[in-house]
């Protein structure tokens, strides 16, 4: 993964912290959990810090934190009942 836009990096991370977890994974609300998990695994593979160059490693670590929080929120919704 190469860093392409140095100007929008930190702002993008801030907006992703606040974004809807379904939008982050590009799935519809109410999608099957297997589809959501497939999108989650793809994003984890894309942003895994071990596959990034040293310059991008900290960005990828932050992205993984965001991705994991979003997946935890979705799993909580499914555990408590059907998603809203």
Protein backbone atom coordinates (compact mmCIF):
# COMPACT_ATOMS: atom_id res chain seq x y z
CA UNK A 1 0.00 0.00 0.00
CA UNK A 2 1.38 3.40 -0.96
CA UNK A 3 0.48 6.75 0.55
CA UNK A 4 -1.16 8.83 -2.14
CA UNK A 5 -2.70 11.92 -0.59
CA UNK A 6 -0.66 13.40 2.24
CA UNK A 7 -3.06 16.30 2.76
CA UNK A 8 -6.18 14.27 3.62
CA UNK A 9 -4.73 11.52 5.83
CA UNK A 10 -5.55 12.73 9.37
CA UNK A 11 -8.91 14.24 8.41
CA UNK A 12 -9.95 10.99 6.77
CA UNK A 13 -9.17 9.02 9.92
CA UNK A 14 -11.19 11.45 12.03
CA UNK A 15 -14.19 11.10 9.74
CA UNK A 16 -13.89 7.29 9.75
CA UNK A 17 -14.01 7.24 13.56
CA UNK A 18 -17.43 8.87 13.36
CA UNK A 19 -18.77 7.00 10.34
CA UNK A 20 -21.43 4.32 10.22
CA UNK A 21 -19.83 0.85 10.50
CA UNK A 22 -21.96 -0.48 7.65
CA UNK A 23 -20.79 2.34 5.37
CA UNK A 24 -17.19 1.60 6.35
CA UNK A 25 -17.57 -1.99 5.13
CA UNK A 26 -19.69 -0.93 2.13
CA UNK A 27 -22.57 -3.22 3.05
CA UNK A 28 -26.22 -2.46 3.55
CA UNK A 29 -27.72 -2.27 7.00
CA UNK A 30 -29.33 -5.64 7.63
CA UNK A 31 -26.90 -7.56 5.43
CA UNK A 32 -26.04 -11.12 6.34
CA UNK A 33 -23.35 -11.41 8.98
CA UNK A 34 -21.32 -13.64 6.64
CA UNK A 35 -21.24 -10.83 4.04
CA UNK A 36 -20.15 -8.33 6.66
CA UNK A 37 -17.42 -10.67 7.91
CA UNK A 38 -16.16 -11.14 4.34
CA UNK A 39 -15.90 -7.35 3.92
CA UNK A 40 -14.18 -7.13 7.31
CA UNK A 41 -11.58 -9.74 6.36
CA UNK A 42 -10.89 -7.97 3.07
CA UNK A 43 -10.30 -4.65 4.85
CA UNK A 44 -8.07 -6.27 7.47
CA UNK A 45 -6.02 -7.84 4.70
CA UNK A 46 -5.76 -4.51 2.90
CA UNK A 47 -4.74 -2.46 5.94
CA UNK A 48 -2.63 -5.00 7.83
CA UNK A 49 0.47 -3.20 9.16
CA UNK A 50 2.80 -6.10 8.35
CA UNK A 51 2.10 -5.59 4.64
CA UNK A 52 2.68 -1.83 4.73
CA UNK A 53 5.92 0.05 4.29
CA UNK A 54 7.33 1.75 7.42
CA UNK A 55 5.87 5.13 6.46
CA UNK A 56 2.33 3.74 6.26
CA UNK A 57 2.52 1.39 9.24
CA UNK A 58 1.07 3.83 11.81
CA UNK A 59 -1.76 4.76 9.45
CA UNK A 60 -2.60 1.10 8.92
CA UNK A 61 -2.56 0.47 12.67
CA UNK A 62 -5.08 3.27 13.16
CA UNK A 63 -7.22 1.91 10.34
CA UNK A 64 -7.22 -1.54 11.97
CA UNK A 65 -8.41 0.01 15.23
CA UNK A 66 -11.27 1.70 13.39
CA UNK A 67 -12.15 -1.48 11.49
CA UNK A 68 -12.12 -3.61 14.66
CA UNK A 69 -14.31 -1.11 16.55
CA UNK A 70 -16.80 -1.06 13.68
CA UNK A 71 -16.94 -4.86 13.58
CA UNK A 72 -17.46 -5.00 17.35
CA UNK A 73 -20.38 -2.55 17.05
CA UNK A 74 -21.97 -4.64 14.31
CA UNK A 75 -21.51 -7.89 16.24
CA UNK A 76 -23.09 -6.27 19.31
CA UNK A 77 -26.11 -5.30 17.23
CA UNK A 78 -26.47 -8.84 15.92
CA UNK A 79 -25.99 -10.32 19.39
CA UNK A 80 -28.70 -8.08 20.87
CA UNK A 81 -31.12 -8.90 18.08
CA UNK A 82 -31.46 -7.92 14.48
CA UNK A 83 -29.59 -4.82 13.27
CA UNK A 84 -31.42 -1.52 13.34
